[in-house]
Protein backbone atom coordinates (compact mmCIF):
# COMPACT_ATOMS: atom_id res chain seq x y z
CA UNK A 1 -0.11 0.05 0.09
CA UNK A 2 1.30 3.45 -1.42
CA UNK A 3 0.02 5.27 1.48
CA UNK A 4 1.72 3.36 4.19
CA UNK A 5 5.12 4.63 2.63
CA UNK A 6 4.16 7.98 1.45
CA UNK A 7 2.07 9.35 4.58
CA UNK A 8 -1.99 9.05 4.33
CA UNK A 9 -2.22 11.78 1.75
CA UNK A 10 -2.29 9.01 -0.75
CA UNK A 11 -5.52 7.21 -1.20
CA UNK A 12 -5.99 4.59 -3.89
CA UNK A 13 -9.25 3.91 -2.95
CA UNK A 14 -11.38 6.70 -4.10
CA UNK A 15 -13.27 6.22 -6.72
CA UNK A 16 -13.18 8.68 -9.87
CA UNK A 17 -9.11 9.09 -10.32
CA UNK A 18 -7.60 8.98 -13.62
CA UNK A 19 -4.91 6.32 -13.59
CA UNK A 20 -2.49 6.34 -15.88
CA UNK A 21 -0.26 3.22 -16.65
CA UNK A 22 2.89 4.38 -18.87
CA UNK A 23 4.13 1.03 -20.45
CA UNK A 24 0.97 -0.80 -20.16
CA UNK A 25 1.73 -3.91 -22.65
CA UNK A 26 -1.09 -6.52 -21.21
CA UNK A 27 -2.39 -4.19 -18.84
CA UNK A 28 -2.02 -6.39 -15.99
CA UNK A 29 -2.74 -3.54 -13.75
CA UNK A 30 -6.62 -3.22 -15.25
CA UNK A 31 -8.28 -5.52 -12.86
CA UNK A 32 -6.90 -3.98 -9.53
CA UNK A 33 -7.28 -0.40 -10.72
CA UNK A 34 -10.87 -0.64 -12.02
CA UNK A 35 -11.86 -2.66 -9.23
CA UNK A 36 -10.89 0.71 -7.05
CA UNK A 37 -13.30 2.48 -9.16
CA UNK A 38 -10.82 4.52 -10.87
CA UNK A 39 -10.43 5.37 -14.85
CA UNK A 40 -7.77 3.10 -16.13
CA UNK A 41 -5.58 4.32 -19.05
CA UNK A 42 -2.70 2.39 -20.41
CA UNK A 43 -0.07 3.20 -23.06
CA UNK A 44 2.81 1.83 -24.67
CA UNK A 45 5.75 2.07 -27.04
CA UNK A 46 2.57 1.09 -29.63
CA UNK A 47 0.76 3.85 -29.18
CA UNK A 48 3.41 6.40 -27.91
CA UNK A 49 7.22 7.07 -28.15
CA UNK A 50 7.79 7.79 -24.58
CA UNK A 51 11.13 9.13 -25.81
CA UNK A 52 9.92 11.78 -28.04
CA UNK A 53 6.03 12.10 -28.40
CA UNK A 54 3.67 14.47 -26.30
CA UNK A 55 1.24 12.24 -23.92
CA UNK A 56 -2.36 12.31 -25.25
CA UNK A 57 -3.49 14.23 -22.43
CA UNK A 58 -4.51 17.66 -20.98
CA UNK A 59 -2.30 19.71 -18.50
CA UNK A 60 -3.19 18.36 -14.94
CA UNK A 61 -5.48 16.09 -16.02
CA UNK A 62 -4.23 12.61 -14.40
CA UNK A 63 -4.18 11.75 -10.71
CA UNK A 64 -2.01 8.68 -10.81
CA UNK A 65 1.02 7.59 -13.15
CA UNK A 66 2.55 4.15 -13.00
CA UNK A 67 5.24 3.27 -14.96
CA UNK A 68 6.67 -0.35 -14.33
CA UNK A 69 10.15 -0.99 -15.75
CA UNK A 70 9.75 1.67 -18.70
CA UNK A 71 12.28 4.22 -17.80
CA UNK A 72 15.81 2.07 -18.29
CA UNK A 73 14.74 2.04 -21.90
CA UNK A 74 14.48 5.37 -22.35
CA UNK A 75 17.96 7.14 -23.47
CA UNK A 76 17.08 10.54 -22.78
CA UNK A 77 14.25 11.18 -20.25
CA UNK A 78 13.70 14.33 -20.48
CA UNK A 79 10.82 14.04 -22.65
CA UNK A 80 9.36 11.20 -20.79
CA UNK A 81 9.47 13.19 -17.30
CA UNK A 82 8.30 16.33 -18.69
CA UNK A 83 5.31 14.77 -20.15
CA UNK A 84 4.73 13.08 -16.29
CA UNK A 85 5.13 16.03 -14.64
CA UNK A 86 2.98 18.01 -17.25
CA UNK A 87 -0.18 15.54 -17.12
CA UNK A 88 -0.09 14.78 -13.66
CA UNK A 89 -2.30 16.85 -11.22
CA UNK A 90 -1.27 19.47 -8.57
CA UNK A 91 -0.58 16.56 -5.26
CA UNK A 92 -1.08 13.75 -7.83
CA UNK A 93 1.68 10.87 -7.86
CA UNK A 94 4.32 9.05 -10.07
CA UNK A 95 5.54 5.64 -9.13
CA UNK A 96 8.50 4.16 -11.31
CA UNK A 97 10.25 1.07 -10.89
CA UNK A 98 13.32 0.35 -12.85
CA UNK A 99 16.41 -2.36 -12.30
CA UNK A 100 18.49 -1.10 -8.93
CA UNK A 101 22.57 -0.71 -10.53
CA UNK A 102 23.82 -1.67 -7.59
CA UNK A 103 22.67 -4.95 -7.51
CA UNK A 104 21.44 -5.20 -11.47
CA UNK A 105 25.10 -4.55 -12.89
CA UNK A 106 26.13 -7.77 -14.25
CA UNK A 107 23.02 -8.51 -16.24
CA UNK A 108 22.03 -5.16 -16.71
CA UNK A 109 22.61 -5.10 -20.25
CA UNK A 110 21.60 -8.78 -20.81
CA UNK A 111 18.37 -7.12 -22.24
CA UNK A 112 19.56 -5.35 -25.16
CA UNK A 113 17.23 -2.75 -25.06
CA UNK A 114 18.25 -1.45 -21.51
CA UNK A 115 20.25 1.97 -22.50
CA UNK A 116 19.96 4.06 -18.82
CA UNK A 117 20.83 2.10 -15.20
CA UNK A 118 19.61 3.82 -12.38
CA UNK A 119 20.12 3.50 -8.40
CA UNK A 120 17.90 5.27 -5.83
CA UNK A 121 20.19 8.27 -5.53
CA UNK A 122 19.91 8.56 -9.08
CA UNK A 123 16.38 8.13 -9.70
CA UNK A 124 15.32 10.69 -6.84
CA UNK A 125 17.64 12.81 -8.14
CA UNK A 126 16.43 12.82 -11.76
CA UNK A 127 12.93 13.32 -10.09
CA UNK A 128 14.32 16.88 -8.17
CA UNK A 129 15.52 17.73 -10.86
CA UNK A 130 12.74 17.69 -13.09
CA UNK A 131 10.19 19.15 -10.28
CA UNK A 132 8.56 16.24 -8.71
CA UNK A 133 8.18 16.84 -5.19
CA UNK A 134 9.55 14.59 -1.93
CA UNK A 135 11.05 11.68 -3.95
CA UNK A 136 11.48 8.39 -1.96
CA UNK A 137 12.80 5.05 -3.46
CA UNK A 138 12.34 1.98 -1.88
CA UNK A 139 13.45 -2.03 -3.00
CA UNK A 140 11.42 -3.69 -5.09
CA UNK A 141 9.44 -5.98 -2.44
CA UNK A 142 5.94 -6.94 -2.93
CA UNK A 143 4.02 -8.21 0.36
CA UNK A 144 6.87 -7.53 2.78
CA UNK A 145 6.60 -6.12 6.56
CA UNK A 146 7.29 -2.56 6.43
CA UNK A 147 10.48 -2.42 7.96
CA UNK A 148 12.02 -4.28 4.63
CA UNK A 149 11.01 -1.09 3.39
CA UNK A 150 12.52 1.49 5.74
CA UNK A 151 15.96 2.64 7.09
CA UNK A 152 19.48 3.58 5.75
CA UNK A 153 19.82 -0.45 4.74
CA UNK A 154 16.24 -0.81 3.31
CA UNK A 155 17.96 -1.89 -0.60
CA UNK A 156 21.07 -4.34 1.32
CA UNK A 157 17.54 -5.97 3.35
CA UNK A 158 15.78 -6.01 0.14
CA UNK A 159 18.46 -7.89 -1.75
CA UNK A 160 20.46 -9.76 1.04
CA UNK A 161 18.26 -10.78 3.77
CA UNK A 162 15.40 -12.64 1.29
CA UNK A 163 17.91 -15.50 -0.03
CA UNK A 164 15.07 -17.93 -0.81
CA UNK A 165 13.73 -18.05 -4.14
CA UNK A 166 11.14 -20.70 -5.93
CA UNK A 167 8.90 -23.29 -4.44
CA UNK A 168 10.43 -23.85 -0.87
CA UNK A 169 8.09 -25.00 1.36
CA UNK A 170 9.66 -24.84 4.52
CA UNK A 171 10.58 -21.86 4.40
CA UNK A 172 8.47 -18.93 5.44
CA UNK A 173 7.18 -16.79 2.57
CA UNK A 174 8.62 -13.57 3.93
CA UNK A 175 12.12 -14.88 3.26
CA UNK A 176 11.42 -15.69 -0.59
CA UNK A 177 12.40 -13.64 -3.14
CA UNK A 178 15.45 -10.97 -3.38
CA UNK A 179 14.98 -7.31 -4.77
CA UNK A 180 17.21 -6.30 -7.62
CA UNK A 181 14.87 -3.72 -8.25
CA UNK A 182 13.46 0.12 -6.78
CA UNK A 183 10.45 2.19 -7.20
CA UNK A 184 10.30 5.65 -6.85
CA UNK A 185 7.08 7.33 -5.11
CA UNK A 186 7.19 11.26 -5.87
CA UNK A 187 4.62 14.01 -6.67
CA UNK A 188 3.50 17.05 -8.44
């Protein structure tokens, strides 16, 4: 739940919000968004070139923008981040995920479409540079206790305290997986 980490200012359960999924692919977020009575909008590279094109939305018209594993595919994120800021409503939130260079550098360029790596510091700085407010980064974990996401060593905890992967029925679920990605949340 985003509001747990970003304060109670953010509610994803208020109907009528405009939710934009940039890099939506198969639109796997659609059902969850629509179940919360939000209007789901999705754009992928077949709809718009994030590096050069304008997003087909009015200024200040979108409440929430999510972009999962897209920014690392963009050589120059200037247009991408400027357009997100343009269409995001004042007080709206942006959620961006990308591989964490610190933990993915050995495999990062194995995906030939990856062109620009980020780490928690560079992702926060670029969001600040483009005018977003209060960016915060977290390890790319799911369904873990809150303490995994917080503190100075949150990325280290996410990467090294979760050594088990796959089907291991004798290992508690909170110990499974490893985080090699980051997500950032910021507001306009």
